[in-house]
Amino acid sequence: MNEGKKRAAIKLKTARGQLDGIIKMLEEGRYCVDISTQILSAIGLLKKANIDVLNTHIRSCVATAILEGEDQGEEKIEEIINIIDRYIK
């Protein structure tokens, strides 16, 4: 596993721990604003993990595809554009 994916995995494991904590907060009837704050924190980690994965993809798969030929490069670029479009929405 490369460094970008390792960083993403660490963030995802941290987010998983946060989600367990959020579920416990819900079960305990904790204050809604505190729960919401923790949810936003987990969302932030998920977004950062996604950036790590996409960064790795662009620097490896996309770069290689571009160097190998126009069709492969165009396909990978289109994939990234579709991901960015979903990310923005």
PDB file of N, CA and C in Angstrom:
ATOM      1  N   MET A   1       0.859  -1.179   0.000  1.00  0.00           N
ATOM      2  CA  MET A   1       0.000   0.000   0.000  1.00  0.00           C
ATOM      3  C   MET A   1       0.901   1.237   0.000  1.00  0.00           C
ATOM      4  N   ASN A   2       0.589   2.184  -0.894  1.00  0.00           N
ATOM      5  CA  ASN A   2       1.429   3.380  -0.961  1.00  0.00           C
ATOM      6  C   ASN A   2       1.071   4.360   0.158  1.00  0.00           C
ATOM      7  N   GLU A   3       1.867   5.410   0.257  1.00  0.00           N
ATOM      8  CA  GLU A   3       1.721   6.358   1.376  1.00  0.00           C
ATOM      9  C   GLU A   3       0.365   7.067   1.394  1.00  0.00           C
ATOM     10  N   GLY A   4      -0.136   7.444   0.234  1.00  0.00           N
ATOM     11  CA  GLY A   4      -1.430   8.119   0.181  1.00  0.00           C
ATOM     12  C   GLY A   4      -2.553   7.236   0.694  1.00  0.00           C
ATOM     13  N   LYS A   5      -2.519   5.971   0.316  1.00  0.00           N
ATOM     14  CA  LYS A   5      -3.545   5.044   0.786  1.00  0.00           C
ATOM     15  C   LYS A   5      -3.367   4.737   2.267  1.00  0.00           C
ATOM     16  N   LYS A   6      -2.123   4.716   2.741  1.00  0.00           N
ATOM     17  CA  LYS A   6      -1.889   4.514   4.178  1.00  0.00           C
ATOM     18  C   LYS A   6      -2.473   5.670   4.983  1.00  0.00           C
ATOM     19  N   ARG A   7      -2.251   6.895   4.506  1.00  0.00           N
ATOM     20  CA  ARG A   7      -2.813   8.067   5.189  1.00  0.00           C
ATOM     21  C   ARG A   7      -4.332   8.007   5.192  1.00  0.00           C
ATOM     22  N   ALA A   8      -4.908   7.609   4.054  1.00  0.00           N
ATOM     23  CA  ALA A   8      -6.368   7.493   3.964  1.00  0.00           C
ATOM     24  C   ALA A   8      -6.884   6.439   4.938  1.00  0.00           C
ATOM     25  N   ALA A   9      -6.202   5.294   5.024  1.00  0.00           N
ATOM     26  CA  ALA A   9      -6.624   4.217   5.925  1.00  0.00           C
ATOM     27  C   ALA A   9      -6.606   4.677   7.378  1.00  0.00           C
ATOM     28  N   ILE A  10      -5.585   5.421   7.760  1.00  0.00           N
ATOM     29  CA  ILE A  10      -5.504   5.937   9.134  1.00  0.00           C
ATOM     30  C   ILE A  10      -6.687   6.863   9.419  1.00  0.00           C
ATOM     31  N   LYS A  11      -6.977   7.757   8.473  1.00  0.00           N
ATOM     32  CA  LYS A  11      -8.112   8.672   8.651  1.00  0.00           C
ATOM     33  C   LYS A  11      -9.427   7.907   8.732  1.00  0.00           C
ATOM     34  N   LEU A  12      -9.583   6.883   7.901  1.00  0.00           N
ATOM     35  CA  LEU A  12     -10.821   6.100   7.908  1.00  0.00           C
ATOM     36  C   LEU A  12     -10.986   5.310   9.205  1.00  0.00           C
ATOM     37  N   LYS A  13      -9.890   4.783   9.728  1.00  0.00           N
ATOM     38  CA  LYS A  13      -9.959   4.072  11.008  1.00  0.00           C
ATOM     39  C   LYS A  13     -10.328   5.033  12.138  1.00  0.00           C
ATOM     40  N   THR A  14      -9.786   6.239  12.080  1.00  0.00           N
ATOM     41  CA  THR A  14     -10.145   7.257  13.076  1.00  0.00           C
ATOM     42  C   THR A  14     -11.623   7.612  12.953  1.00  0.00           C
ATOM     43  N   ALA A  15     -12.106   7.780  11.722  1.00  0.00           N
ATOM     44  CA  ALA A  15     -13.522   8.094  11.501  1.00  0.00           C
ATOM     45  C   ALA A  15     -14.410   6.958  12.007  1.00  0.00           C
ATOM     46  N   ARG A  16     -13.969   5.721  11.801  1.00  0.00           N
ATOM     47  CA  ARG A  16     -14.745   4.581  12.305  1.00  0.00           C
ATOM     48  C   ARG A  16     -14.874   4.659  13.824  1.00  0.00           C
ATOM     49  N   GLY A  17     -13.795   5.002  14.501  1.00  0.00           N
ATOM     50  CA  GLY A  17     -13.846   5.180  15.952  1.00  0.00           C
ATOM     51  C   GLY A  17     -14.788   6.301  16.343  1.00  0.00           C
ATOM     52  N   GLN A  18     -14.749   7.396  15.571  1.00  0.00           N
ATOM     53  CA  GLN A  18     -15.654   8.508  15.838  1.00  0.00           C
ATOM     54  C   GLN A  18     -17.108   8.081  15.651  1.00  0.00           C
ATOM     55  N   LEU A  19     -17.379   7.302  14.625  1.00  0.00           N
ATOM     56  CA  LEU A  19     -18.752   6.848  14.385  1.00  0.00           C
ATOM     57  C   LEU A  19     -19.249   5.968  15.531  1.00  0.00           C
ATOM     58  N   ASP A  20     -18.388   5.099  16.027  1.00  0.00           N
ATOM     59  CA  ASP A  20     -18.770   4.292  17.193  1.00  0.00           C
ATOM     60  C   ASP A  20     -19.106   5.196  18.381  1.00  0.00           C
ATOM     61  N   GLY A  21     -18.295   6.232  18.558  1.00  0.00           N
ATOM     62  CA  GLY A  21     -18.539   7.180  19.640  1.00  0.00           C
ATOM     63  C   GLY A  21     -19.836   7.944  19.451  1.00  0.00           C
ATOM     64  N   ILE A  22     -20.137   8.300  18.222  1.00  0.00           N
ATOM     65  CA  ILE A  22     -21.377   9.037  17.923  1.00  0.00           C
ATOM     66  C   ILE A  22     -22.585   8.152  18.203  1.00  0.00           C
ATOM     67  N   ILE A  23     -22.514   6.908  17.812  1.00  0.00           N
ATOM     68  CA  ILE A  23     -23.618   5.981  18.083  1.00  0.00           C
ATOM     69  C   ILE A  23     -23.842   5.852  19.582  1.00  0.00           C
ATOM     70  N   LYS A  24     -22.760   5.772  20.322  1.00  0.00           N
ATOM     71  CA  LYS A  24     -22.871   5.685  21.783  1.00  0.00           C
ATOM     72  C   LYS A  24     -23.514   6.958  22.341  1.00  0.00           C
ATOM     73  N   MET A  25     -23.111   8.111  21.805  1.00  0.00           N
ATOM     74  CA  MET A  25     -23.702   9.376  22.249  1.00  0.00           C
ATOM     75  C   MET A  25     -25.203   9.386  22.001  1.00  0.00           C
ATOM     76  N   LEU A  26     -25.623   8.888  20.831  1.00  0.00           N
ATOM     77  CA  LEU A  26     -27.048   8.823  20.516  1.00  0.00           C
ATOM     78  C   LEU A  26     -27.783   7.916  21.491  1.00  0.00           C
ATOM     79  N   GLU A  27     -27.204   6.766  21.748  1.00  0.00           N
ATOM     80  CA  GLU A  27     -27.825   5.791  22.656  1.00  0.00           C
ATOM     81  C   GLU A  27     -27.929   6.329  24.082  1.00  0.00           C
ATOM     82  N   GLU A  28     -26.975   7.165  24.457  1.00  0.00           N
ATOM     83  CA  GLU A  28     -26.969   7.741  25.805  1.00  0.00           C
ATOM     84  C   GLU A  28     -27.842   8.994  25.902  1.00  0.00           C
ATOM     85  N   GLY A  29     -28.388   9.435  24.771  1.00  0.00           N
ATOM     86  CA  GLY A  29     -29.239  10.619  24.792  1.00  0.00           C
ATOM     87  C   GLY A  29     -28.479  11.911  25.010  1.00  0.00           C
ATOM     88  N   ARG A  30     -27.257  11.972  24.518  1.00  0.00           N
ATOM     89  CA  ARG A  30     -26.437  13.174  24.687  1.00  0.00           C
ATOM     90  C   ARG A  30     -27.018  14.353  23.926  1.00  0.00           C
ATOM     91  N   TYR A  31     -26.522  15.530  24.233  1.00  0.00           N
ATOM     92  CA  TYR A  31     -26.974  16.794  23.664  1.00  0.00           C
ATOM     93  C   TYR A  31     -26.783  16.789  22.141  1.00  0.00           C
ATOM     94  N   CYS A  32     -27.845  17.143  21.411  1.00  0.00           N
ATOM     95  CA  CYS A  32     -27.861  17.059  19.952  1.00  0.00           C
ATOM     96  C   CYS A  32     -26.744  17.864  19.280  1.00  0.00           C
ATOM     97  N   VAL A  33     -26.462  19.039  19.785  1.00  0.00           N
ATOM     98  CA  VAL A  33     -25.421  19.873  19.176  1.00  0.00           C
ATOM     99  C   VAL A  33     -24.055  19.202  19.317  1.00  0.00           C
ATOM    100  N   ASP A  34     -23.807  18.554  20.442  1.00  0.00           N
ATOM    101  CA  ASP A  34     -22.553  17.821  20.622  1.00  0.00           C
ATOM    102  C   ASP A  34     -22.454  16.662  19.631  1.00  0.00           C
ATOM    103  N   ILE A  35     -23.565  15.980  19.420  1.00  0.00           N
ATOM    104  CA  ILE A  35     -23.596  14.874  18.457  1.00  0.00           C
ATOM    105  C   ILE A  35     -23.341  15.404  17.048  1.00  0.00           C
ATOM    106  N   SER A  36     -24.002  16.479  16.706  1.00  0.00           N
ATOM    107  CA  SER A  36     -23.835  17.078  15.385  1.00  0.00           C
ATOM    108  C   SER A  36     -22.382  17.506  15.146  1.00  0.00           C
ATOM    109  N   THR A  37     -21.762  18.068  16.165  1.00  0.00           N
ATOM    110  CA  THR A  37     -20.356  18.477  16.057  1.00  0.00           C
ATOM    111  C   THR A  37     -19.464  17.277  15.751  1.00  0.00           C
ATOM    112  N   GLN A  38     -19.734  16.166  16.401  1.00  0.00           N
ATOM    113  CA  GLN A  38     -18.947  14.961  16.166  1.00  0.00           C
ATOM    114  C   GLN A  38     -19.201  14.375  14.777  1.00  0.00           C
ATOM    115  N   ILE A  39     -20.446  14.470  14.319  1.00  0.00           N
ATOM    116  CA  ILE A  39     -20.762  14.012  12.962  1.00  0.00           C
ATOM    117  C   ILE A  39     -19.990  14.839  11.938  1.00  0.00           C
ATOM    118  N   LEU A  40     -19.973  16.154  12.123  1.00  0.00           N
ATOM    119  CA  LEU A  40     -19.236  17.027  11.204  1.00  0.00           C
ATOM    120  C   LEU A  40     -17.741  16.712  11.215  1.00  0.00           C
ATOM    121  N   SER A  41     -17.222  16.378  12.366  1.00  0.00           N
ATOM    122  CA  SER A  41     -15.818  16.008  12.462  1.00  0.00           C
ATOM    123  C   SER A  41     -15.531  14.730  11.669  1.00  0.00           C
ATOM    124  N   ALA A  42     -16.420  13.750  11.780  1.00  0.00           N
ATOM    125  CA  ALA A  42     -16.258  12.498  11.036  1.00  0.00           C
ATOM    126  C   ALA A  42     -16.358  12.747   9.527  1.00  0.00           C
ATOM    127  N   ILE A  43     -17.291  13.596   9.132  1.00  0.00           N
ATOM    128  CA  ILE A  43     -17.429  13.946   7.713  1.00  0.00           C
ATOM    129  C   ILE A  43     -16.135  14.584   7.207  1.00  0.00           C
ATOM    130  N   GLY A  44     -15.546  15.465   8.001  1.00  0.00           N
ATOM    131  CA  GLY A  44     -14.288  16.104   7.628  1.00  0.00           C
ATOM    132  C   GLY A  44     -13.187  15.086   7.393  1.00  0.00           C
ATOM    133  N   LEU A  45     -13.093  14.097   8.262  1.00  0.00           N
ATOM    134  CA  LEU A  45     -12.082  13.045   8.090  1.00  0.00           C
ATOM    135  C   LEU A  45     -12.337  12.233   6.826  1.00  0.00           C
ATOM    136  N   LEU A  46     -13.593  11.922   6.553  1.00  0.00           N
ATOM    137  CA  LEU A  46     -13.926  11.180   5.338  1.00  0.00           C
ATOM    138  C   LEU A  46     -13.532  11.967   4.089  1.00  0.00           C
ATOM    139  N   LYS A  47     -13.788  13.259   4.106  1.00  0.00           N
ATOM    140  CA  LYS A  47     -13.403  14.098   2.968  1.00  0.00           C
ATOM    141  C   LYS A  47     -11.891  14.126   2.789  1.00  0.00           C
ATOM    142  N   LYS A  48     -11.165  14.239   3.888  1.00  0.00           N
ATOM    143  CA  LYS A  48      -9.701  14.261   3.806  1.00  0.00           C
ATOM    144  C   LYS A  48      -9.158  12.921   3.317  1.00  0.00           C
ATOM    145  N   ALA A  49      -9.764  11.830   3.742  1.00  0.00           N
ATOM    146  CA  ALA A  49      -9.350  10.509   3.264  1.00  0.00           C
ATOM    147  C   ALA A  49      -9.606  10.391   1.766  1.00  0.00           C
ATOM    148  N   ASN A  50     -10.728  10.921   1.317  1.00  0.00           N
ATOM    149  CA  ASN A  50     -11.046  10.893  -0.108  1.00  0.00           C
ATOM    150  C   ASN A  50     -10.009  11.675  -0.904  1.00  0.00           C
ATOM    151  N   ILE A  51      -9.598  12.813  -0.403  1.00  0.00           N
ATOM    152  CA  ILE A  51      -8.569  13.612  -1.080  1.00  0.00           C
ATOM    153  C   ILE A  51      -7.265  12.825  -1.170  1.00  0.00           C
ATOM    154  N   ASP A  52      -6.888  12.128  -0.105  1.00  0.00           N
ATOM    155  CA  ASP A  52      -5.677  11.302  -0.131  1.00  0.00           C
ATOM    156  C   ASP A  52      -5.764  10.240  -1.225  1.00  0.00           C
ATOM    157  N   VAL A  53      -6.914   9.576  -1.328  1.00  0.00           N
ATOM    158  CA  VAL A  53      -7.099   8.527  -2.334  1.00  0.00           C
ATOM    159  C   VAL A  53      -7.058   9.129  -3.739  1.00  0.00           C
ATOM    160  N   LEU A  54      -7.761  10.225  -3.948  1.00  0.00           N
ATOM    161  CA  LEU A  54      -7.775  10.850  -5.273  1.00  0.00           C
ATOM    162  C   LEU A  54      -6.400  11.394  -5.666  1.00  0.00           C
ATOM    163  N   ASN A  55      -5.688  11.956  -4.713  1.00  0.00           N
ATOM    164  CA  ASN A  55      -4.343  12.454  -4.971  1.00  0.00           C
ATOM    165  C   ASN A  55      -3.443  11.312  -5.448  1.00  0.00           C
ATOM    166  N   THR A  56      -3.530  10.183  -4.762  1.00  0.00           N
ATOM    167  CA  THR A  56      -2.745   9.014  -5.150  1.00  0.00           C
ATOM    168  C   THR A  56      -3.135   8.553  -6.551  1.00  0.00           C
ATOM    169  N   HIS A  57      -4.427   8.514  -6.820  1.00  0.00           N
ATOM    170  CA  HIS A  57      -4.924   8.070  -8.126  1.00  0.00           C
ATOM    171  C   HIS A  57      -4.417   8.977  -9.248  1.00  0.00           C
ATOM    172  N   ILE A  58      -4.510  10.276  -9.037  1.00  0.00           N
ATOM    173  CA  ILE A  58      -4.068  11.222 -10.067  1.00  0.00           C
ATOM    174  C   ILE A  58      -2.575  11.094 -10.321  1.00  0.00           C
ATOM    175  N   ARG A  59      -1.807  10.985  -9.252  1.00  0.00           N
ATOM    176  CA  ARG A  59      -0.351  10.940  -9.402  1.00  0.00           C
ATOM    177  C   ARG A  59       0.172   9.605  -9.923  1.00  0.00           C
ATOM    178  N   SER A  60      -0.638   8.559  -9.839  1.00  0.00           N
ATOM    179  CA  SER A  60      -0.170   7.267 -10.340  1.00  0.00           C
ATOM    180  C   SER A  60      -0.969   6.832 -11.567  1.00  0.00           C
ATOM    181  N   CYS A  61      -2.201   6.419 -11.375  1.00  0.00           N
ATOM    182  CA  CYS A  61      -3.014   5.858 -12.466  1.00  0.00           C
ATOM    183  C   CYS A  61      -3.236   6.853 -13.605  1.00  0.00           C
ATOM    184  N   VAL A  62      -3.644   8.056 -13.255  1.00  0.00           N
ATOM    185  CA  VAL A  62      -3.942   9.051 -14.289  1.00  0.00           C
ATOM    186  C   VAL A  62      -2.665   9.454 -15.024  1.00  0.00           C
ATOM    187  N   ALA A  63      -1.602   9.716 -14.280  1.00  0.00           N
ATOM    188  CA  ALA A  63      -0.338  10.105 -14.911  1.00  0.00           C
ATOM    189  C   ALA A  63       0.159   9.019 -15.860  1.00  0.00           C
ATOM    190  N   THR A  64       0.091   7.764 -15.434  1.00  0.00           N
ATOM    191  CA  THR A  64       0.522   6.645 -16.272  1.00  0.00           C
ATOM    192  C   THR A  64      -0.342   6.543 -17.522  1.00  0.00           C
ATOM    193  N   ALA A  65      -1.654   6.678 -17.359  1.00  0.00           N
ATOM    194  CA  ALA A  65      -2.560   6.590 -18.504  1.00  0.00           C
ATOM    195  C   ALA A  65      -2.288   7.683 -19.526  1.00  0.00           C
ATOM    196  N   ILE A  66      -1.996   8.877 -19.060  1.00  0.00           N
ATOM    197  CA  ILE A  66      -1.701   9.987 -19.967  1.00  0.00           C
ATOM    198  C   ILE A  66      -0.425   9.702 -20.750  1.00  0.00           C
ATOM    199  N   LEU A  67       0.569   9.166 -20.062  1.00  0.00           N
ATOM    200  CA  LEU A  67       1.833   8.863 -20.728  1.00  0.00           C
ATOM    201  C   LEU A  67       1.695   7.706 -21.721  1.00  0.00           C
ATOM    202  N   GLU A  68       0.765   6.802 -21.470  1.00  0.00           N
ATOM    203  CA  GLU A  68       0.592   5.632 -22.338  1.00  0.00           C
ATOM    204  C   GLU A  68      -0.207   5.935 -23.602  1.00  0.00           C
ATOM    205  N   GLY A  69      -0.998   6.962 -23.572  1.00  0.00           N
ATOM    206  CA  GLY A  69      -1.737   7.283 -24.778  1.00  0.00           C
ATOM    207  C   GLY A  69      -2.960   8.121 -24.511  1.00  0.00           C
ATOM    208  N   GLU A  70      -3.411   8.740 -25.570  1.00  0.00           N
ATOM    209  CA  GLU A  70      -4.492   9.710 -25.457  1.00  0.00           C
ATOM    210  C   GLU A  70      -5.798   9.090 -24.963  1.00  0.00           C
ATOM    211  N   ASP A  71      -6.186   7.928 -25.491  1.00  0.00           N
ATOM    212  CA  ASP A  71      -7.461   7.312 -25.095  1.00  0.00           C
ATOM    213  C   ASP A  71      -7.488   6.967 -23.619  1.00  0.00           C
ATOM    214  N   GLN A  72      -6.422   6.335 -23.134  1.00  0.00           N
ATOM    215  CA  GLN A  72      -6.366   5.966 -21.725  1.00  0.00           C
ATOM    216  C   GLN A  72      -6.361   7.197 -20.835  1.00  0.00           C
ATOM    217  N   GLY A  73      -5.617   8.211 -21.233  1.00  0.00           N
ATOM    218  CA  GLY A  73      -5.544   9.450 -20.466  1.00  0.00           C
ATOM    219  C   GLY A  73      -6.889  10.150 -20.398  1.00  0.00           C
ATOM    220  N   GLU A  74      -7.574  10.217 -21.528  1.00  0.00           N
ATOM    221  CA  GLU A  74      -8.892  10.860 -21.570  1.00  0.00           C
ATOM    222  C   GLU A  74      -9.881  10.132 -20.670  1.00  0.00           C
ATOM    223  N   GLU A  75      -9.823   8.811 -20.662  1.00  0.00           N
ATOM    224  CA  GLU A  75     -10.731   8.016 -19.822  1.00  0.00           C
ATOM    225  C   GLU A  75     -10.502   8.303 -18.341  1.00  0.00           C
ATOM    226  N   LYS A  76      -9.244   8.354 -17.931  1.00  0.00           N
ATOM    227  CA  LYS A  76      -8.916   8.616 -16.526  1.00  0.00           C
ATOM    228  C   LYS A  76      -9.281  10.041 -16.134  1.00  0.00           C
ATOM    229  N   ILE A  77      -9.057  10.980 -17.024  1.00  0.00           N
ATOM    230  CA  ILE A  77      -9.422  12.373 -16.748  1.00  0.00           C
ATOM    231  C   ILE A  77     -10.938  12.478 -16.577  1.00  0.00           C
ATOM    232  N   GLU A  78     -11.688  11.787 -17.416  1.00  0.00           N
ATOM    233  CA  GLU A  78     -13.153  11.794 -17.317  1.00  0.00           C
ATOM    234  C   GLU A  78     -13.611  11.216 -15.976  1.00  0.00           C
ATOM    235  N   GLU A  79     -12.938  10.156 -15.508  1.00  0.00           N
ATOM    236  CA  GLU A  79     -13.257   9.591 -14.194  1.00  0.00           C
ATOM    237  C   GLU A  79     -13.086  10.628 -13.091  1.00  0.00           C
ATOM    238  N   ILE A  80     -11.981  11.347 -13.138  1.00  0.00           N
ATOM    239  CA  ILE A  80     -11.699  12.359 -12.116  1.00  0.00           C
ATOM    240  C   ILE A  80     -12.734  13.484 -12.187  1.00  0.00           C
ATOM    241  N   ILE A  81     -13.088  13.904 -13.377  1.00  0.00           N
ATOM    242  CA  ILE A  81     -14.093  14.956 -13.520  1.00  0.00           C
ATOM    243  C   ILE A  81     -15.423  14.500 -12.928  1.00  0.00           C
ATOM    244  N   ASN A  82     -15.807  13.250 -13.157  1.00  0.00           N
ATOM    245  CA  ASN A  82     -17.052  12.716 -12.593  1.00  0.00           C
ATOM    246  C   ASN A  82     -17.003  12.690 -11.065  1.00  0.00           C
ATOM    247  N   ILE A  83     -15.867  12.319 -10.499  1.00  0.00           N
ATOM    248  CA  ILE A  83     -15.717  12.306  -9.038  1.00  0.00           C
ATOM    249  C   ILE A  83     -15.834  13.727  -8.489  1.00  0.00           C
ATOM    250  N   ILE A  84     -15.157  14.667  -9.124  1.00  0.00           N
ATOM    251  CA  ILE A  84     -15.212  16.063  -8.673  1.00  0.00           C
ATOM    252  C   ILE A  84     -16.639  16.584  -8.749  1.00  0.00           C
ATOM    253  N   ASP A  85     -17.341  16.231  -9.821  1.00  0.00           N
ATOM    254  CA  ASP A  85     -18.735  16.650  -9.969  1.00  0.00           C
ATOM    255  C   ASP A  85     -19.582  16.125  -8.822  1.00  0.00           C
ATOM    256  N   ARG A  86     -19.404  14.853  -8.443  1.00  0.00           N
ATOM    257  CA  ARG A  86     -20.155  14.288  -7.318  1.00  0.00           C
ATOM    258  C   ARG A  86     -19.745  14.931  -5.999  1.00  0.00           C
ATOM    259  N   TYR A  87     -18.478  15.250  -5.869  1.00  0.00           N
ATOM    260  CA  TYR A  87     -17.952  15.859  -4.644  1.00  0.00           C
ATOM    261  C   TYR A  87     -18.550  17.233  -4.416  1.00  0.00           C
ATOM    262  N   ILE A  88     -18.719  17.981  -5.479  1.00  0.00           N
ATOM    263  CA  ILE A  88     -19.229  19.344  -5.388  1.00  0.00           C
ATOM    264  C   ILE A  88     -20.716  19.357  -5.009  1.00  0.00           C
ATOM    265  N   LYS A  89     -21.454  18.367  -5.476  1.00  0.00           N
ATOM    266  CA  LYS A  89     -22.911  18.349  -5.245  1.00  0.00           C
ATOM    267  C   LYS A  89     -23.263  18.043  -3.848  1.00  0.00           C
TER     268      LYS A  89
END
